[in-house]
Amino acid sequence: IGDRTEFIQGKIKTNPAFAISEILLSLEKMGATVAGLP
């Protein structure tokens, strides 16, 4: 997961959202029904 602030500031191009969503989908496959991003 790329640094969120660096993405917001344009210092990195890859949106961390893609890695976050992939992890959420993995959590769902493992049985998670509700999730949060700390």
PDB file of all heavy atoms in Angstrom:
ATOM      1  N   ILE A   1       0.844  -1.203   0.000  1.00  0.00           N
ATOM      2  CA  ILE A   1       0.000   0.000   0.000  1.00  0.00           C
ATOM      3  C   ILE A   1       0.876   1.249   0.000  1.00  0.00           C
ATOM      4  O   ILE A   1       1.592   1.518   0.967  1.00  0.00           O
ATOM      5  CB  ILE A   1      -0.940   0.024   1.222  1.00  0.00           C
ATOM      6  CG1 ILE A   1      -1.762  -1.266   1.296  1.00  0.00           C
ATOM      7  CG2 ILE A   1      -1.854   1.239   1.161  1.00  0.00           C
ATOM      8  CD1 ILE A   1      -2.591  -1.401   2.558  1.00  0.00           C
ATOM      9  N   GLY A   2       0.803   2.018  -1.078  1.00  0.00           N
ATOM     10  CA  GLY A   2       1.578   3.251  -1.156  1.00  0.00           C
ATOM     11  C   GLY A   2       1.124   4.265  -0.118  1.00  0.00           C
ATOM     12  O   GLY A   2      -0.005   4.204   0.391  1.00  0.00           O
ATOM     13  N   ASP A   3       2.017   5.207   0.193  1.00  0.00           N
ATOM     14  CA  ASP A   3       1.679   6.230   1.186  1.00  0.00           C
ATOM     15  C   ASP A   3       0.523   7.079   0.692  1.00  0.00           C
ATOM     16  O   ASP A   3       0.553   7.639  -0.412  1.00  0.00           O
ATOM     17  CB  ASP A   3       2.904   7.105   1.477  1.00  0.00           C
ATOM     18  CG  ASP A   3       2.660   8.039   2.633  1.00  0.00           C
ATOM     19  OD1 ASP A   3       2.160   9.154   2.379  1.00  0.00           O
ATOM     20  OD2 ASP A   3       2.933   7.672   3.782  1.00  0.00           O
ATOM     21  N   ARG A   4      -0.502   7.195   1.503  1.00  0.00           N
ATOM     22  CA  ARG A   4      -1.706   7.903   1.102  1.00  0.00           C
ATOM     23  C   ARG A   4      -1.466   9.395   0.907  1.00  0.00           C
ATOM     24  O   ARG A   4      -1.936   9.987  -0.067  1.00  0.00           O
ATOM     25  CB  ARG A   4      -2.828   7.695   2.136  1.00  0.00           C
ATOM     26  CG  ARG A   4      -3.489   6.321   2.106  1.00  0.00           C
ATOM     27  CD  ARG A   4      -2.579   5.174   2.484  1.00  0.00           C
ATOM     28  NE  ARG A   4      -2.034   5.346   3.830  1.00  0.00           N
ATOM     29  CZ  ARG A   4      -0.891   4.806   4.264  1.00  0.00           C
ATOM     30  NH1 ARG A   4      -0.133   4.070   3.447  1.00  0.00           N
ATOM     31  NH2 ARG A   4      -0.461   4.991   5.501  1.00  0.00           N
ATOM     32  N   THR A   5      -0.712  10.013   1.806  1.00  0.00           N
ATOM     33  CA  THR A   5      -0.447  11.441   1.672  1.00  0.00           C
ATOM     34  C   THR A   5       0.402  11.733   0.447  1.00  0.00           C
ATOM     35  O   THR A   5       0.158  12.711  -0.270  1.00  0.00           O
ATOM     36  CB  THR A   5       0.242  11.978   2.947  1.00  0.00           C
ATOM     37  OG1 THR A   5      -0.657  11.862   4.051  1.00  0.00           O
ATOM     38  CG2 THR A   5       0.627  13.438   2.787  1.00  0.00           C
ATOM     39  N   GLU A   6       1.389  10.891   0.179  1.00  0.00           N
ATOM     40  CA  GLU A   6       2.222  11.104  -1.008  1.00  0.00           C
ATOM     41  C   GLU A   6       1.396  11.002  -2.286  1.00  0.00           C
ATOM     42  O   GLU A   6       1.637  11.726  -3.260  1.00  0.00           O
ATOM     43  CB  GLU A   6       3.375  10.099  -1.033  1.00  0.00           C
ATOM     44  CG  GLU A   6       4.439  10.382   0.015  1.00  0.00           C
ATOM     45  CD  GLU A   6       5.669   9.519  -0.140  1.00  0.00           C
ATOM     46  OE1 GLU A   6       5.661   8.602  -0.999  1.00  0.00           O
ATOM     47  OE2 GLU A   6       6.645   9.751   0.580  1.00  0.00           O
ATOM     48  N   PHE A   7       0.404  10.123  -2.311  1.00  0.00           N
ATOM     49  CA  PHE A   7      -0.474  10.037  -3.474  1.00  0.00           C
ATOM     50  C   PHE A   7      -1.314  11.303  -3.593  1.00  0.00           C
ATOM     51  O   PHE A   7      -1.449  11.881  -4.684  1.00  0.00           O
ATOM     52  CB  PHE A   7      -1.387   8.814  -3.389  1.00  0.00           C
ATOM     53  CG  PHE A   7      -2.418   8.774  -4.480  1.00  0.00           C
ATOM     54  CD1 PHE A   7      -2.058   8.437  -5.783  1.00  0.00           C
ATOM     55  CD2 PHE A   7      -3.742   9.117  -4.219  1.00  0.00           C
ATOM     56  CE1 PHE A   7      -3.003   8.436  -6.813  1.00  0.00           C
ATOM     57  CE2 PHE A   7      -4.689   9.115  -5.228  1.00  0.00           C
ATOM     58  CZ  PHE A   7      -4.322   8.770  -6.529  1.00  0.00           C
ATOM     59  N   ILE A   8      -1.889  11.756  -2.472  1.00  0.00           N
ATOM     60  CA  ILE A   8      -2.712  12.972  -2.488  1.00  0.00           C
ATOM     61  C   ILE A   8      -1.904  14.164  -2.989  1.00  0.00           C
ATOM     62  O   ILE A   8      -2.400  15.003  -3.742  1.00  0.00           O
ATOM     63  CB  ILE A   8      -3.269  13.249  -1.073  1.00  0.00           C
ATOM     64  CG1 ILE A   8      -4.298  12.175  -0.686  1.00  0.00           C
ATOM     65  CG2 ILE A   8      -3.893  14.633  -0.985  1.00  0.00           C
ATOM     66  CD1 ILE A   8      -4.647  12.150   0.794  1.00  0.00           C
ATOM     67  N   GLN A   9      -0.623  14.227  -2.594  1.00  0.00           N
ATOM     68  CA  GLN A   9       0.240  15.344  -2.974  1.00  0.00           C
ATOM     69  C   GLN A   9       0.862  15.175  -4.358  1.00  0.00           C
ATOM     70  O   GLN A   9       1.598  16.031  -4.821  1.00  0.00           O
ATOM     71  CB  GLN A   9       1.337  15.531  -1.935  1.00  0.00           C
ATOM     72  CG  GLN A   9       0.807  15.958  -0.572  1.00  0.00           C
ATOM     73  CD  GLN A   9       1.898  16.062   0.477  1.00  0.00           C
ATOM     74  OE1 GLN A   9       2.898  15.345   0.434  1.00  0.00           O
ATOM     75  NE2 GLN A   9       1.710  16.959   1.438  1.00  0.00           N
ATOM     76  N   GLY A  10       0.566  14.058  -5.028  1.00  0.00           N
ATOM     77  CA  GLY A  10       1.084  13.826  -6.378  1.00  0.00           C
ATOM     78  C   GLY A  10       2.512  13.329  -6.428  1.00  0.00           C
ATOM     79  O   GLY A  10       3.136  13.312  -7.501  1.00  0.00           O
ATOM     80  N   LYS A  11       3.048  12.895  -5.282  1.00  0.00           N
ATOM     81  CA  LYS A  11       4.437  12.417  -5.252  1.00  0.00           C
ATOM     82  C   LYS A  11       4.570  10.987  -5.763  1.00  0.00           C
ATOM     83  O   LYS A  11       5.650  10.569  -6.176  1.00  0.00           O
ATOM     84  CB  LYS A  11       4.993  12.526  -3.829  1.00  0.00           C
ATOM     85  CG  LYS A  11       5.103  13.960  -3.333  1.00  0.00           C
ATOM     86  CD  LYS A  11       5.610  14.021  -1.891  1.00  0.00           C
ATOM     87  CE  LYS A  11       5.690  15.452  -1.402  1.00  0.00           C
ATOM     88  NZ  LYS A  11       6.142  15.529   0.017  1.00  0.00           N
ATOM     89  N   ILE A  12       3.509  10.200  -5.672  1.00  0.00           N
ATOM     90  CA  ILE A  12       3.475   8.868  -6.270  1.00  0.00           C
ATOM     91  C   ILE A  12       2.228   8.775  -7.139  1.00  0.00           C
ATOM     92  O   ILE A  12       1.233   9.461  -6.903  1.00  0.00           O
ATOM     93  CB  ILE A  12       3.486   7.733  -5.222  1.00  0.00           C
ATOM     94  CG1 ILE A  12       2.253   7.804  -4.312  1.00  0.00           C
ATOM     95  CG2 ILE A  12       4.770   7.753  -4.401  1.00  0.00           C
ATOM     96  CD1 ILE A  12       2.128   6.625  -3.362  1.00  0.00           C
ATOM     97  N   LYS A  13       2.280   7.958  -8.179  1.00  0.00           N
ATOM     98  CA  LYS A  13       1.187   7.907  -9.157  1.00  0.00           C
ATOM     99  C   LYS A  13       0.195   6.782  -8.909  1.00  0.00           C
ATOM    100  O   LYS A  13      -0.972   6.890  -9.262  1.00  0.00           O
ATOM    101  CB  LYS A  13       1.778   7.759 -10.573  1.00  0.00           C
ATOM    102  CG  LYS A  13       2.691   8.909 -10.978  1.00  0.00           C
ATOM    103  CD  LYS A  13       1.958  10.240 -10.943  1.00  0.00           C
ATOM    104  CE  LYS A  13       2.867  11.393 -11.363  1.00  0.00           C
ATOM    105  NZ  LYS A  13       2.192  12.704 -11.221  1.00  0.00           N
ATOM    106  N   THR A  14       0.657   5.677  -8.316  1.00  0.00           N
ATOM    107  CA  THR A  14      -0.235   4.536  -8.128  1.00  0.00           C
ATOM    108  C   THR A  14      -1.174   4.784  -6.960  1.00  0.00           C
ATOM    109  O   THR A  14      -0.738   5.031  -5.839  1.00  0.00           O
ATOM    110  CB  THR A  14       0.570   3.246  -7.868  1.00  0.00           C
ATOM    111  OG1 THR A  14       1.448   3.019  -8.980  1.00  0.00           O
ATOM    112  CG2 THR A  14      -0.363   2.051  -7.728  1.00  0.00           C
ATOM    113  N   ASN A  15      -2.457   4.713  -7.229  1.00  0.00           N
ATOM    114  CA  ASN A  15      -3.454   4.960  -6.191  1.00  0.00           C
ATOM    115  C   ASN A  15      -3.453   3.801  -5.190  1.00  0.00           C
ATOM    116  O   ASN A  15      -3.657   2.647  -5.571  1.00  0.00           O
ATOM    117  CB  ASN A  15      -4.840   5.088  -6.835  1.00  0.00           C
ATOM    118  CG  ASN A  15      -5.870   5.676  -5.891  1.00  0.00           C
ATOM    119  OD1 ASN A  15      -5.812   5.495  -4.684  1.00  0.00           O
ATOM    120  ND2 ASN A  15      -6.845   6.381  -6.444  1.00  0.00           N
ATOM    121  N   PRO A  16      -3.250   4.108  -3.899  1.00  0.00           N
ATOM    122  CA  PRO A  16      -3.280   3.048  -2.877  1.00  0.00           C
ATOM    123  C   PRO A  16      -4.620   2.318  -2.829  1.00  0.00           C
ATOM    124  O   PRO A  16      -4.708   1.222  -2.260  1.00  0.00           O
ATOM    125  CB  PRO A  16      -3.030   3.804  -1.562  1.00  0.00           C
ATOM    126  CG  PRO A  16      -2.432   5.112  -1.960  1.00  0.00           C
ATOM    127  CD  PRO A  16      -2.975   5.429  -3.314  1.00  0.00           C
ATOM    128  N   ALA A  17      -5.638   2.908  -3.414  1.00  0.00           N
ATOM    129  CA  ALA A  17      -6.979   2.315  -3.385  1.00  0.00           C
ATOM    130  C   ALA A  17      -6.999   0.915  -3.978  1.00  0.00           C
ATOM    131  O   ALA A  17      -7.758   0.057  -3.520  1.00  0.00           O
ATOM    132  CB  ALA A  17      -7.961   3.211  -4.146  1.00  0.00           C
ATOM    133  N   PHE A  18      -6.177   0.672  -4.983  1.00  0.00           N
ATOM    134  CA  PHE A  18      -6.205  -0.633  -5.644  1.00  0.00           C
ATOM    135  C   PHE A  18      -5.694  -1.743  -4.718  1.00  0.00           C
ATOM    136  O   PHE A  18      -6.300  -2.811  -4.624  1.00  0.00           O
ATOM    137  CB  PHE A  18      -5.425  -0.590  -6.957  1.00  0.00           C
ATOM    138  CG  PHE A  18      -6.042   0.335  -7.967  1.00  0.00           C
ATOM    139  CD1 PHE A  18      -5.464   1.553  -8.281  1.00  0.00           C
ATOM    140  CD2 PHE A  18      -7.244  -0.002  -8.579  1.00  0.00           C
ATOM    141  CE1 PHE A  18      -6.047   2.413  -9.201  1.00  0.00           C
ATOM    142  CE2 PHE A  18      -7.842   0.849  -9.501  1.00  0.00           C
ATOM    143  CZ  PHE A  18      -7.247   2.063  -9.808  1.00  0.00           C
ATOM    144  N   ALA A  19      -4.608  -1.466  -3.994  1.00  0.00           N
ATOM    145  CA  ALA A  19      -4.103  -2.451  -3.034  1.00  0.00           C
ATOM    146  C   ALA A  19      -5.081  -2.611  -1.873  1.00  0.00           C
ATOM    147  O   ALA A  19      -5.331  -3.731  -1.405  1.00  0.00           O
ATOM    148  CB  ALA A  19      -2.728  -2.031  -2.516  1.00  0.00           C
ATOM    149  N   ILE A  20      -5.640  -1.507  -1.410  1.00  0.00           N
ATOM    150  CA  ILE A  20      -6.605  -1.563  -0.302  1.00  0.00           C
ATOM    151  C   ILE A  20      -7.808  -2.420  -0.685  1.00  0.00           C
ATOM    152  O   ILE A  20      -8.256  -3.279   0.082  1.00  0.00           O
ATOM    153  CB  ILE A  20      -7.052  -0.139   0.102  1.00  0.00           C
ATOM    154  CG1 ILE A  20      -5.884   0.624   0.738  1.00  0.00           C
ATOM    155  CG2 ILE A  20      -8.239  -0.192   1.065  1.00  0.00           C
ATOM    156  CD1 ILE A  20      -6.139   2.112   0.932  1.00  0.00           C
ATOM    157  N   SER A  21      -8.334  -2.197  -1.877  1.00  0.00           N
ATOM    158  CA  SER A  21      -9.515  -2.957  -2.305  1.00  0.00           C
ATOM    159  C   SER A  21      -9.186  -4.432  -2.499  1.00  0.00           C
ATOM    160  O   SER A  21     -10.003  -5.303  -2.168  1.00  0.00           O
ATOM    161  CB  SER A  21     -10.104  -2.365  -3.590  1.00  0.00           C
ATOM    162  OG  SER A  21      -9.159  -2.341  -4.633  1.00  0.00           O
ATOM    163  N   GLU A  22      -7.991  -4.742  -2.993  1.00  0.00           N
ATOM    164  CA  GLU A  22      -7.581  -6.146  -3.138  1.00  0.00           C
ATOM    165  C   GLU A  22      -7.525  -6.832  -1.775  1.00  0.00           C
ATOM    166  O   GLU A  22      -7.946  -7.985  -1.623  1.00  0.00           O
ATOM    167  CB  GLU A  22      -6.216  -6.226  -3.826  1.00  0.00           C
ATOM    168  CG  GLU A  22      -6.252  -5.891  -5.316  1.00  0.00           C
ATOM    169  CD  GLU A  22      -4.866  -5.736  -5.903  1.00  0.00           C
ATOM    170  OE1 GLU A  22      -3.870  -5.946  -5.160  1.00  0.00           O
ATOM    171  OE2 GLU A  22      -4.761  -5.392  -7.097  1.00  0.00           O
ATOM    172  N   ILE A  23      -7.010  -6.123  -0.774  1.00  0.00           N
ATOM    173  CA  ILE A  23      -6.935  -6.681   0.580  1.00  0.00           C
ATOM    174  C   ILE A  23      -8.335  -6.861   1.154  1.00  0.00           C
ATOM    175  O   ILE A  23      -8.628  -7.885   1.790  1.00  0.00           O
ATOM    176  CB  ILE A  23      -6.051  -5.789   1.475  1.00  0.00           C
ATOM    177  CG1 ILE A  23      -4.585  -5.878   1.015  1.00  0.00           C
ATOM    178  CG2 ILE A  23      -6.181  -6.186   2.946  1.00  0.00           C
ATOM    179  CD1 ILE A  23      -3.670  -4.850   1.639  1.00  0.00           C
ATOM    180  N   LEU A  24      -9.216  -5.911   0.914  1.00  0.00           N
ATOM    181  CA  LEU A  24     -10.596  -6.036   1.383  1.00  0.00           C
ATOM    182  C   LEU A  24     -11.284  -7.253   0.757  1.00  0.00           C
ATOM    183  O   LEU A  24     -11.997  -7.992   1.438  1.00  0.00           O
ATOM    184  CB  LEU A  24     -11.388  -4.769   1.056  1.00  0.00           C
ATOM    185  CG  LEU A  24     -11.145  -3.566   1.968  1.00  0.00           C
ATOM    186  CD1 LEU A  24     -11.701  -2.293   1.348  1.00  0.00           C
ATOM    187  CD2 LEU A  24     -11.738  -3.788   3.349  1.00  0.00           C
ATOM    188  N   LEU A  25     -11.038  -7.471  -0.524  1.00  0.00           N
ATOM    189  CA  LEU A  25     -11.630  -8.638  -1.192  1.00  0.00           C
ATOM    190  C   LEU A  25     -11.068  -9.937  -0.614  1.00  0.00           C
ATOM    191  O   LEU A  25     -11.804 -10.918  -0.462  1.00  0.00           O
ATOM    192  CB  LEU A  25     -11.380  -8.557  -2.698  1.00  0.00           C
ATOM    193  CG  LEU A  25     -12.129  -7.434  -3.424  1.00  0.00           C
ATOM    194  CD1 LEU A  25     -11.593  -7.251  -4.836  1.00  0.00           C
ATOM    195  CD2 LEU A  25     -13.627  -7.699  -3.449  1.00  0.00           C
ATOM    196  N   SER A  26      -9.786  -9.921  -0.268  1.00  0.00           N
ATOM    197  CA  SER A  26      -9.185 -11.102   0.379  1.00  0.00           C
ATOM    198  C   SER A  26      -9.797 -11.331   1.757  1.00  0.00           C
ATOM    199  O   SER A  26     -10.073 -12.471   2.144  1.00  0.00           O
ATOM    200  CB  SER A  26      -7.672 -10.921   0.500  1.00  0.00           C
ATOM    201  OG  SER A  26      -7.048 -10.876  -0.769  1.00  0.00           O
ATOM    202  N   LEU A  27      -9.996 -10.246   2.509  1.00  0.00           N
ATOM    203  CA  LEU A  27     -10.625 -10.355   3.826  1.00  0.00           C
ATOM    204  C   LEU A  27     -12.040 -10.930   3.701  1.00  0.00           C
ATOM    205  O   LEU A  27     -12.462 -11.766   4.511  1.00  0.00           O
ATOM    206  CB  LEU A  27     -10.673  -8.986   4.503  1.00  0.00           C
ATOM    207  CG  LEU A  27      -9.344  -8.445   5.038  1.00  0.00           C
ATOM    208  CD1 LEU A  27      -9.475  -6.968   5.389  1.00  0.00           C
ATOM    209  CD2 LEU A  27      -8.883  -9.233   6.253  1.00  0.00           C
ATOM    210  N   GLU A  28     -12.739 -10.489   2.678  1.00  0.00           N
ATOM    211  CA  GLU A  28     -14.095 -11.000   2.460  1.00  0.00           C
ATOM    212  C   GLU A  28     -14.068 -12.502   2.185  1.00  0.00           C
ATOM    213  O   GLU A  28     -14.897 -13.257   2.707  1.00  0.00           O
ATOM    214  CB  GLU A  28     -14.766 -10.261   1.311  1.00  0.00           C
ATOM    215  CG  GLU A  28     -16.222 -10.645   1.113  1.00  0.00           C
ATOM    216  CD  GLU A  28     -16.900  -9.797   0.056  1.00  0.00           C
ATOM    217  OE1 GLU A  28     -16.200  -9.219  -0.801  1.00  0.00           O
ATOM    218  OE2 GLU A  28     -18.138  -9.728   0.081  1.00  0.00           O
ATOM    219  N   LYS A  29     -13.119 -12.945   1.384  1.00  0.00           N
ATOM    220  CA  LYS A  29     -12.995 -14.374   1.091  1.00  0.00           C
ATOM    221  C   LYS A  29     -12.680 -15.182   2.349  1.00  0.00           C
ATOM    222  O   LYS A  29     -13.066 -16.344   2.467  1.00  0.00           O
ATOM    223  CB  LYS A  29     -11.902 -14.606   0.044  1.00  0.00           C
ATOM    224  CG  LYS A  29     -12.285 -14.166  -1.366  1.00  0.00           C
ATOM    225  CD  LYS A  29     -11.146 -14.388  -2.335  1.00  0.00           C
ATOM    226  CE  LYS A  29     -11.523 -13.926  -3.737  1.00  0.00           C
ATOM    227  NZ  LYS A  29     -10.385 -14.072  -4.690  1.00  0.00           N
ATOM    228  N   MET A  30     -11.992 -14.528   3.307  1.00  0.00           N
ATOM    229  CA  MET A  30     -11.665 -15.200   4.564  1.00  0.00           C
ATOM    230  C   MET A  30     -12.810 -15.150   5.575  1.00  0.00           C
ATOM    231  O   MET A  30     -12.692 -15.688   6.668  1.00  0.00           O
ATOM    232  CB  MET A  30     -10.399 -14.581   5.169  1.00  0.00           C
ATOM    233  CG  MET A  30      -9.127 -14.924   4.409  1.00  0.00           C
ATOM    234  SD  MET A  30      -7.627 -14.295   5.236  1.00  0.00           S
ATOM    235  CE  MET A  30      -7.543 -12.645   4.558  1.00  0.00           C
ATOM    236  N   GLY A  31     -13.895 -14.479   5.221  1.00  0.00           N
ATOM    237  CA  GLY A  31     -15.069 -14.487   6.083  1.00  0.00           C
ATOM    238  C   GLY A  31     -15.473 -13.157   6.680  1.00  0.00           C
ATOM    239  O   GLY A  31     -16.472 -13.080   7.403  1.00  0.00           O
ATOM    240  N   ALA A  32     -14.712 -12.097   6.406  1.00  0.00           N
ATOM    241  CA  ALA A  32     -15.060 -10.787   6.965  1.00  0.00           C
ATOM    242  C   ALA A  32     -16.339 -10.257   6.321  1.00  0.00           C
ATOM    243  O   ALA A  32     -16.494 -10.309   5.099  1.00  0.00           O
ATOM    244  CB  ALA A  32     -13.918  -9.798   6.753  1.00  0.00           C
ATOM    245  N   THR A  33     -17.242  -9.759   7.142  1.00  0.00           N
ATOM    246  CA  THR A  33     -18.500  -9.203   6.647  1.00  0.00           C
ATOM    247  C   THR A  33     -18.556  -7.683   6.786  1.00  0.00           C
ATOM    248  O   THR A  33     -19.333  -7.021   6.111  1.00  0.00           O
ATOM    249  CB  THR A  33     -19.691  -9.811   7.415  1.00  0.00           C
ATOM    250  OG1 THR A  33     -19.474  -9.629   8.823  1.00  0.00           O
ATOM    251  CG2 THR A  33     -19.812 -11.302   7.112  1.00  0.00           C
ATOM    252  N   VAL A  34     -17.745  -7.138   7.675  1.00  0.00           N
ATOM    253  CA  VAL A  34     -17.660  -5.694   7.883  1.00  0.00           C
ATOM    254  C   VAL A  34     -16.191  -5.344   8.049  1.00  0.00           C
ATOM    255  O   VAL A  34     -15.412  -6.156   8.572  1.00  0.00           O
ATOM    256  CB  VAL A  34     -18.494  -5.259   9.117  1.00  0.00           C
ATOM    257  CG1 VAL A  34     -17.976  -5.922  10.387  1.00  0.00           C
ATOM    258  CG2 VAL A  34     -18.502  -3.746   9.281  1.00  0.00           C
ATOM    259  N   ALA A  35     -15.790  -4.164   7.578  1.00  0.00           N
ATOM    260  CA  ALA A  35     -14.359  -3.841   7.602  1.00  0.00           C
ATOM    261  C   ALA A  35     -14.136  -2.356   7.822  1.00  0.00           C
ATOM    262  O   ALA A  35     -15.034  -1.528   7.631  1.00  0.00           O
ATOM    263  CB  ALA A  35     -13.698  -4.268   6.292  1.00  0.00           C
ATOM    264  N   GLY A  36     -12.909  -2.028   8.244  1.00  0.00           N
ATOM    265  CA  GLY A  36     -12.527  -0.643   8.448  1.00  0.00           C
ATOM    266  C   GLY A  36     -11.104  -0.396   8.007  1.00  0.00           C
ATOM    267  O   GLY A  36     -10.276  -1.319   7.965  1.00  0.00           O
ATOM    268  N   LEU A  37     -10.830   0.859   7.675  1.00  0.00           N
ATOM    269  CA  LEU A  37      -9.491   1.291   7.265  1.00  0.00           C
ATOM    270  C   LEU A  37      -8.929   2.197   8.351  1.00  0.00           C
ATOM    271  O   LEU A  37      -9.353   3.361   8.462  1.00  0.00           O
ATOM    272  CB  LEU A  37      -9.553   2.064   5.943  1.00  0.00           C
ATOM    273  CG  LEU A  37     -10.338   1.457   4.781  1.00  0.00           C
ATOM    274  CD1 LEU A  37     -10.308   2.397   3.568  1.00  0.00           C
ATOM    275  CD2 LEU A  37      -9.788   0.088   4.415  1.00  0.00           C
ATOM    276  N   PRO A  38      -8.017   1.707   9.180  1.00  0.00           N
ATOM    277  CA  PRO A  38      -7.444   2.555  10.230  1.00  0.00           C
ATOM    278  C   PRO A  38      -6.393   3.513   9.674  1.00  0.00           C
ATOM    279  O   PRO A  38      -5.200   3.436   9.970  1.00  0.00           O
ATOM    280  CB  PRO A  38      -6.839   1.543  11.206  1.00  0.00           C
ATOM    281  CG  PRO A  38      -6.511   0.356  10.358  1.00  0.00           C
ATOM    282  CD  PRO A  38      -7.536   0.324   9.273  1.00  0.00           C
TER     283      PRO A  38
END
